[in-house]
Amino acid sequence: MNNKVVLTYENGEFIVSINDNIISKNRDIEKSFFSFKQIIDNNSKKEIIEWLDIEKEMSKIDNDKLEINKEYKTLSFGKIKYFHGTGKLFYMNNGAMIPLIGGYQFFKFVVSMESNNIIEDSNKLLELCKVIVGNNATYRVEEASFVVSSAKFNYGEAGYNFATNKINKGASTENGSFEEYTKYIIEILTL
C-alpha cells in the first residue's frame, strides 16, 4: 500500500484521511475506527484467492459480457478489467484506465449483481465509482449494498441497498431508486 492513512483527533472530532485528503469526520470513535480500518483493508488487501479458484467461480456465471483470459489471468466484464497478477481493477472508458477500489471482490459483486438482474446496467455503478474515486472518497460493498464513505456525508457515509431499494443517508433511511442515490452522492461529493 502506497497510501498514507491517518486517524487523528482534533477539536472534538475523529478525522480519517488518505494522503492528507479528509475522508470522514465523526465524534464517535468506533465509527471512525471502523472507517479507518475499512480504508486500510481496501487499500492493502493482497489477492489470496488462487487464479484457478477465480476461473472456476467465474466460469459458472452465464453472461456473454464476461471474458476470462486464462493466459494473462485477467477478467473483463463490459468496461471493467481485473488483473490477477496485481490484484488491481480498472474502469476502462474512452481510452482511460481508472483504478477502482475492491479488486476481485468488487469485480465479482458487479458481475453477480448484473448477471442476477439486480442491477440492469453496471455502467451506471461504474460511472458513480469514477466520480467517487475522483473526489477522494471511498466505497465498499456489503452483500447487496453499496456504501460511499466521505467526510461530506452525515455520519461519514451513505449507502444504497439494491435488494430493498433503500437509501441510507446516515441520519435517515428512505425508499428510492439507484438513480436518486447516484444524484444524491454526486451532489454531496461535488459541492
C-alpha atoms as a PDB file:
ATOM      1  CA  MET A   1       0.000   0.000   0.000  1.00  0.00           C
ATOM      2  CA  ASN A   2       1.446   3.351  -1.049  1.00  0.00           C
ATOM      3  CA  ASN A   3      -1.195   5.494   0.643  1.00  0.00           C
ATOM      4  CA  LYS A   4      -0.822   7.285   3.967  1.00  0.00           C
ATOM      5  CA  VAL A   5      -3.940   6.584   6.061  1.00  0.00           C
ATOM      6  CA  VAL A   6      -4.300   8.664   9.231  1.00  0.00           C
ATOM      7  CA  LEU A   7      -6.785   8.709  12.120  1.00  0.00           C
ATOM      8  CA  THR A   8      -6.488  11.904  14.195  1.00  0.00           C
ATOM      9  CA  TYR A   9      -8.434  13.592  16.967  1.00  0.00           C
ATOM     10  CA  GLU A  10      -8.882  17.344  16.657  1.00  0.00           C
ATOM     11  CA  ASN A  11     -11.418  19.799  18.085  1.00  0.00           C
ATOM     12  CA  GLY A  12     -13.655  17.037  19.442  1.00  0.00           C
ATOM     13  CA  GLU A  13     -13.768  15.068  16.171  1.00  0.00           C
ATOM     14  CA  PHE A  14     -12.012  11.997  14.847  1.00  0.00           C
ATOM     15  CA  ILE A  15     -10.716  12.592  11.331  1.00  0.00           C
ATOM     16  CA  VAL A  16      -9.802   9.853   8.858  1.00  0.00           C
ATOM     17  CA  SER A  17      -7.700  10.882   5.862  1.00  0.00           C
ATOM     18  CA  ILE A  18      -5.851   9.320   2.958  1.00  0.00           C
ATOM     19  CA  ASN A  19      -2.773  11.156   1.669  1.00  0.00           C
ATOM     20  CA  ASP A  20      -3.913  14.295   3.542  1.00  0.00           C
ATOM     21  CA  ASN A  21      -7.398  14.206   1.927  1.00  0.00           C
ATOM     22  CA  ILE A  22     -10.133  14.024   4.582  1.00  0.00           C
ATOM     23  CA  ILE A  23     -12.403  11.020   4.077  1.00  0.00           C
ATOM     24  CA  SER A  24     -14.570  11.217   7.188  1.00  0.00           C
ATOM     25  CA  LYS A  25     -15.145  13.228  10.350  1.00  0.00           C
ATOM     26  CA  ASN A  26     -17.056  11.844  13.275  1.00  0.00           C
ATOM     27  CA  ARG A  27     -17.404  12.301  17.022  1.00  0.00           C
ATOM     28  CA  ASP A  28     -17.880   8.556  17.534  1.00  0.00           C
ATOM     29  CA  ILE A  29     -14.556   6.730  17.946  1.00  0.00           C
ATOM     30  CA  GLU A  30     -15.999   3.351  16.969  1.00  0.00           C
ATOM     31  CA  LYS A  31     -17.409   4.613  13.659  1.00  0.00           C
ATOM     32  CA  SER A  32     -14.176   6.472  12.958  1.00  0.00           C
ATOM     33  CA  PHE A  33     -12.048   3.443  13.731  1.00  0.00           C
ATOM     34  CA  PHE A  34     -14.275   1.275  11.533  1.00  0.00           C
ATOM     35  CA  SER A  35     -13.844   3.751   8.647  1.00  0.00           C
ATOM     36  CA  PHE A  36     -10.080   3.854   9.271  1.00  0.00           C
ATOM     37  CA  LYS A  37      -9.838   0.050   9.297  1.00  0.00           C
ATOM     38  CA  GLN A  38     -12.034  -0.264   6.187  1.00  0.00           C
ATOM     39  CA  ILE A  39      -9.789   2.109   4.244  1.00  0.00           C
ATOM     40  CA  ILE A  40      -6.691   0.159   5.264  1.00  0.00           C
ATOM     41  CA  ASP A  41      -8.364  -3.132   4.308  1.00  0.00           C
ATOM     42  CA  ASN A  42      -9.495  -1.747   0.932  1.00  0.00           C
ATOM     43  CA  ASN A  43      -6.037  -0.412   0.131  1.00  0.00           C
ATOM     44  CA  SER A  44      -3.799  -3.199   1.402  1.00  0.00           C
ATOM     45  CA  LYS A  45      -5.509  -6.499   0.662  1.00  0.00           C
ATOM     46  CA  LYS A  46      -3.481  -8.861  -1.432  1.00  0.00           C
ATOM     47  CA  GLU A  47      -5.426 -11.307  -3.516  1.00  0.00           C
ATOM     48  CA  ILE A  48      -5.278 -14.552  -1.604  1.00  0.00           C
ATOM     49  CA  ILE A  49      -7.674 -16.326  -3.931  1.00  0.00           C
ATOM     50  CA  GLU A  50      -5.870 -18.585  -6.360  1.00  0.00           C
ATOM     51  CA  TRP A  51      -6.412 -17.935 -10.057  1.00  0.00           C
ATOM     52  CA  LEU A  52      -7.800 -21.454 -10.614  1.00  0.00           C
ATOM     53  CA  ASP A  53     -10.457 -20.808  -7.952  1.00  0.00           C
ATOM     54  CA  ILE A  54     -11.376 -17.486  -9.573  1.00  0.00           C
ATOM     55  CA  GLU A  55     -11.510 -19.109 -13.000  1.00  0.00           C
ATOM     56  CA  LYS A  56     -13.732 -21.896 -11.683  1.00  0.00           C
ATOM     57  CA  GLU A  57     -16.046 -19.454  -9.880  1.00  0.00           C
ATOM     58  CA  MET A  58     -16.363 -17.102 -12.849  1.00  0.00           C
ATOM     59  CA  SER A  59     -16.924 -19.894 -15.375  1.00  0.00           C
ATOM     60  CA  LYS A  60     -20.153 -20.778 -13.519  1.00  0.00           C
ATOM     61  CA  ILE A  61     -21.609 -17.389 -14.489  1.00  0.00           C
ATOM     62  CA  ASP A  62     -23.580 -17.405 -17.724  1.00  0.00           C
ATOM     63  CA  ASN A  63     -23.114 -13.911 -19.140  1.00  0.00           C
ATOM     64  CA  ASP A  64     -21.834 -13.047 -22.619  1.00  0.00           C
ATOM     65  CA  LYS A  65     -20.114  -9.893 -21.335  1.00  0.00           C
ATOM     66  CA  LEU A  66     -17.771 -11.902 -19.076  1.00  0.00           C
ATOM     67  CA  GLU A  67     -14.395 -12.735 -20.593  1.00  0.00           C
ATOM     68  CA  ILE A  68     -11.854 -14.959 -18.838  1.00  0.00           C
ATOM     69  CA  ASN A  69      -8.315 -14.781 -20.215  1.00  0.00           C
ATOM     70  CA  LYS A  70      -6.502 -17.810 -18.821  1.00  0.00           C
ATOM     71  CA  GLU A  71      -3.166 -16.955 -20.419  1.00  0.00           C
ATOM     72  CA  TYR A  72      -2.849 -13.472 -18.910  1.00  0.00           C
ATOM     73  CA  LYS A  73      -5.007 -14.209 -15.851  1.00  0.00           C
ATOM     74  CA  THR A  74      -7.405 -11.348 -16.448  1.00  0.00           C
ATOM     75  CA  LEU A  75     -11.158 -10.947 -16.237  1.00  0.00           C
ATOM     76  CA  SER A  76     -13.192  -8.477 -18.285  1.00  0.00           C
ATOM     77  CA  PHE A  77     -16.825  -7.535 -17.927  1.00  0.00           C
ATOM     78  CA  GLY A  78     -18.085  -4.659 -20.011  1.00  0.00           C
ATOM     79  CA  LYS A  79     -15.890  -1.712 -19.111  1.00  0.00           C
ATOM     80  CA  ILE A  80     -14.073  -3.211 -16.111  1.00  0.00           C
ATOM     81  CA  LYS A  81     -10.960  -5.337 -16.174  1.00  0.00           C
ATOM     82  CA  TYR A  82      -9.360  -7.262 -13.325  1.00  0.00           C
ATOM     83  CA  PHE A  83      -5.658  -8.188 -13.401  1.00  0.00           C
ATOM     84  CA  HIS A  84      -4.994 -11.104 -11.065  1.00  0.00           C
ATOM     85  CA  GLY A  85      -1.208 -10.682 -11.087  1.00  0.00           C
ATOM     86  CA  THR A  86      -1.514  -7.271  -9.430  1.00  0.00           C
ATOM     87  CA  GLY A  87      -4.922  -7.664  -7.783  1.00  0.00           C
ATOM     88  CA  LYS A  88      -5.984  -4.388  -9.450  1.00  0.00           C
ATOM     89  CA  LEU A  89      -9.306  -3.493 -11.025  1.00  0.00           C
ATOM     90  CA  PHE A  90      -9.749  -0.784 -13.652  1.00  0.00           C
ATOM     91  CA  TYR A  91     -12.647   1.015 -15.296  1.00  0.00           C
ATOM     92  CA  MET A  92     -11.788   1.255 -18.998  1.00  0.00           C
ATOM     93  CA  ASN A  93     -13.637   4.119 -20.657  1.00  0.00           C
ATOM     94  CA  ASN A  94     -12.793   6.422 -23.555  1.00  0.00           C
ATOM     95  CA  GLY A  95      -9.164   5.281 -23.620  1.00  0.00           C
ATOM     96  CA  ALA A  96      -8.650   5.858 -19.874  1.00  0.00           C
ATOM     97  CA  MET A  97      -7.825   3.248 -17.215  1.00  0.00           C
ATOM     98  CA  ILE A  98      -9.321   4.476 -13.950  1.00  0.00           C
ATOM     99  CA  PRO A  99      -8.277   2.424 -10.895  1.00  0.00           C
ATOM    100  CA  LEU A 100     -11.182   1.186  -8.792  1.00  0.00           C
ATOM    101  CA  ILE A 101     -11.321   0.035  -5.184  1.00  0.00           C
ATOM    102  CA  GLY A 102     -12.019  -3.569  -4.237  1.00  0.00           C
ATOM    103  CA  GLY A 103     -10.093  -5.779  -6.663  1.00  0.00           C
ATOM    104  CA  TYR A 104     -11.596  -9.166  -7.425  1.00  0.00           C
ATOM    105  CA  GLN A 105     -14.298  -8.903  -4.754  1.00  0.00           C
ATOM    106  CA  PHE A 106     -15.748  -5.747  -6.322  1.00  0.00           C
ATOM    107  CA  PHE A 107     -15.426  -7.281  -9.806  1.00  0.00           C
ATOM    108  CA  LYS A 108     -17.379 -10.324  -8.590  1.00  0.00           C
ATOM    109  CA  PHE A 109     -20.004  -8.040  -6.990  1.00  0.00           C
ATOM    110  CA  VAL A 110     -20.583  -6.157 -10.261  1.00  0.00           C
ATOM    111  CA  VAL A 111     -20.737  -9.332 -12.374  1.00  0.00           C
ATOM    112  CA  SER A 112     -23.059 -11.112  -9.920  1.00  0.00           C
ATOM    113  CA  MET A 113     -25.394  -8.157  -9.490  1.00  0.00           C
ATOM    114  CA  GLU A 114     -25.845  -7.675 -13.238  1.00  0.00           C
ATOM    115  CA  SER A 115     -25.959 -11.394 -14.090  1.00  0.00           C
ATOM    116  CA  ASN A 116     -28.670 -11.923 -11.446  1.00  0.00           C
ATOM    117  CA  ASN A 117     -30.650  -8.928 -12.810  1.00  0.00           C
ATOM    118  CA  ILE A 118     -30.331  -6.992  -9.558  1.00  0.00           C
ATOM    119  CA  ILE A 119     -28.573  -4.198 -11.465  1.00  0.00           C
ATOM    120  CA  GLU A 120     -29.795  -3.551 -15.017  1.00  0.00           C
ATOM    121  CA  ASP A 121     -26.682  -1.744 -16.232  1.00  0.00           C
ATOM    122  CA  SER A 122     -23.463  -1.932 -14.229  1.00  0.00           C
ATOM    123  CA  ASN A 123     -22.034   1.029 -16.193  1.00  0.00           C
ATOM    124  CA  LYS A 124     -24.155   3.366 -14.063  1.00  0.00           C
ATOM    125  CA  LEU A 125     -22.495   1.966 -10.932  1.00  0.00           C
ATOM    126  CA  LEU A 126     -19.051   2.189 -12.546  1.00  0.00           C
ATOM    127  CA  GLU A 127     -19.606   5.812 -13.579  1.00  0.00           C
ATOM    128  CA  LEU A 128     -20.535   6.542  -9.955  1.00  0.00           C
ATOM    129  CA  CYS A 129     -17.342   4.795  -8.781  1.00  0.00           C
ATOM    130  CA  LYS A 130     -15.352   7.043 -11.137  1.00  0.00           C
ATOM    131  CA  VAL A 131     -16.900  10.139  -9.530  1.00  0.00           C
ATOM    132  CA  ILE A 132     -16.294   8.763  -6.026  1.00  0.00           C
ATOM    133  CA  VAL A 133     -12.629   7.994  -6.652  1.00  0.00           C
ATOM    134  CA  GLY A 134     -12.178  11.330  -8.450  1.00  0.00           C
ATOM    135  CA  ASN A 135     -13.499  13.193  -5.397  1.00  0.00           C
ATOM    136  CA  ASN A 136     -11.209  11.477  -2.865  1.00  0.00           C
ATOM    137  CA  ALA A 137     -13.941   9.350  -1.329  1.00  0.00           C
ATOM    138  CA  THR A 138     -14.045   5.576  -0.909  1.00  0.00           C
ATOM    139  CA  TYR A 139     -16.658   2.887  -1.374  1.00  0.00           C
ATOM    140  CA  ARG A 140     -17.247  -0.681  -0.304  1.00  0.00           C
ATOM    141  CA  VAL A 141     -19.803  -3.402  -0.937  1.00  0.00           C
ATOM    142  CA  GLU A 142     -21.638  -5.496   1.622  1.00  0.00           C
ATOM    143  CA  GLU A 143     -23.890  -8.261   0.262  1.00  0.00           C
ATOM    144  CA  ALA A 144     -26.416  -6.282  -1.862  1.00  0.00           C
ATOM    145  CA  SER A 145     -25.360  -2.839  -0.599  1.00  0.00           C
ATOM    146  CA  PHE A 146     -23.017  -0.207  -1.992  1.00  0.00           C
ATOM    147  CA  VAL A 147     -21.653   2.263   0.610  1.00  0.00           C
ATOM    148  CA  VAL A 148     -19.736   5.502  -0.013  1.00  0.00           C
ATOM    149  CA  SER A 149     -17.541   6.969   2.745  1.00  0.00           C
ATOM    150  CA  SER A 150     -16.630  10.647   2.893  1.00  0.00           C
ATOM    151  CA  ALA A 151     -16.482  13.413   5.486  1.00  0.00           C
ATOM    152  CA  LYS A 152     -19.098  15.243   3.412  1.00  0.00           C
ATOM    153  CA  PHE A 153     -21.885  12.828   4.450  1.00  0.00           C
ATOM    154  CA  ASN A 154     -23.884  12.746   7.676  1.00  0.00           C
ATOM    155  CA  TYR A 155     -22.152  10.177   9.871  1.00  0.00           C
ATOM    156  CA  GLY A 156     -19.442   9.787   7.219  1.00  0.00           C
ATOM    157  CA  GLU A 157     -21.238   7.514   4.766  1.00  0.00           C
ATOM    158  CA  ALA A 158     -24.239   6.966   2.514  1.00  0.00           C
ATOM    159  CA  GLY A 159     -25.414   3.613   1.185  1.00  0.00           C
ATOM    160  CA  TYR A 160     -27.787   2.018  -1.256  1.00  0.00           C
ATOM    161  CA  ASN A 161     -29.288  -1.450  -0.853  1.00  0.00           C
ATOM    162  CA  PHE A 162     -30.123  -2.927  -4.262  1.00  0.00           C
ATOM    163  CA  ALA A 163     -32.298  -5.668  -2.733  1.00  0.00           C
ATOM    164  CA  THR A 164     -34.578  -3.316  -0.777  1.00  0.00           C
ATOM    165  CA  ASN A 165     -34.180  -0.123  -2.870  1.00  0.00           C
ATOM    166  CA  LYS A 166     -33.377   1.866   0.271  1.00  0.00           C
ATOM    167  CA  ILE A 167     -31.064   4.849   0.511  1.00  0.00           C
ATOM    168  CA  ASN A 168     -29.229   5.240   3.825  1.00  0.00           C
ATOM    169  CA  LYS A 169     -28.132   8.858   4.264  1.00  0.00           C
ATOM    170  CA  GLY A 170     -26.569   8.281   7.669  1.00  0.00           C
ATOM    171  CA  ALA A 171     -29.202  10.161   9.663  1.00  0.00           C
ATOM    172  CA  SER A 172     -32.152   8.761   7.701  1.00  0.00           C
ATOM    173  CA  THR A 173     -33.185   5.840   5.523  1.00  0.00           C
ATOM    174  CA  GLU A 174     -35.707   6.214   2.722  1.00  0.00           C
ATOM    175  CA  ASN A 175     -37.025   4.327  -0.278  1.00  0.00           C
ATOM    176  CA  GLY A 176     -35.511   5.372  -3.572  1.00  0.00           C
ATOM    177  CA  SER A 177     -34.016   4.332  -6.868  1.00  0.00           C
ATOM    178  CA  PHE A 178     -30.348   3.902  -7.661  1.00  0.00           C
ATOM    179  CA  GLU A 179     -30.624   6.984  -9.891  1.00  0.00           C
ATOM    180  CA  GLU A 180     -31.828   9.044  -6.900  1.00  0.00           C
ATOM    181  CA  TYR A 181     -28.970   7.662  -4.802  1.00  0.00           C
ATOM    182  CA  THR A 182     -26.461   8.493  -7.544  1.00  0.00           C
ATOM    183  CA  LYS A 183     -27.795  12.045  -7.810  1.00  0.00           C
ATOM    184  CA  TYR A 184     -27.513  12.458  -4.024  1.00  0.00           C
ATOM    185  CA  ILE A 185     -23.931  11.126  -3.938  1.00  0.00           C
ATOM    186  CA  ILE A 186     -22.786  13.333  -6.816  1.00  0.00           C
ATOM    187  CA  GLU A 187     -24.449  16.438  -5.325  1.00  0.00           C
ATOM    188  CA  ILE A 188     -22.732  15.927  -1.978  1.00  0.00           C
ATOM    189  CA  LEU A 189     -19.305  14.962  -3.318  1.00  0.00           C
ATOM    190  CA  THR A 190     -19.067  17.725  -5.899  1.00  0.00           C
ATOM    191  CA  LEU A 191     -20.169  20.610  -3.628  1.00  0.00           C
END
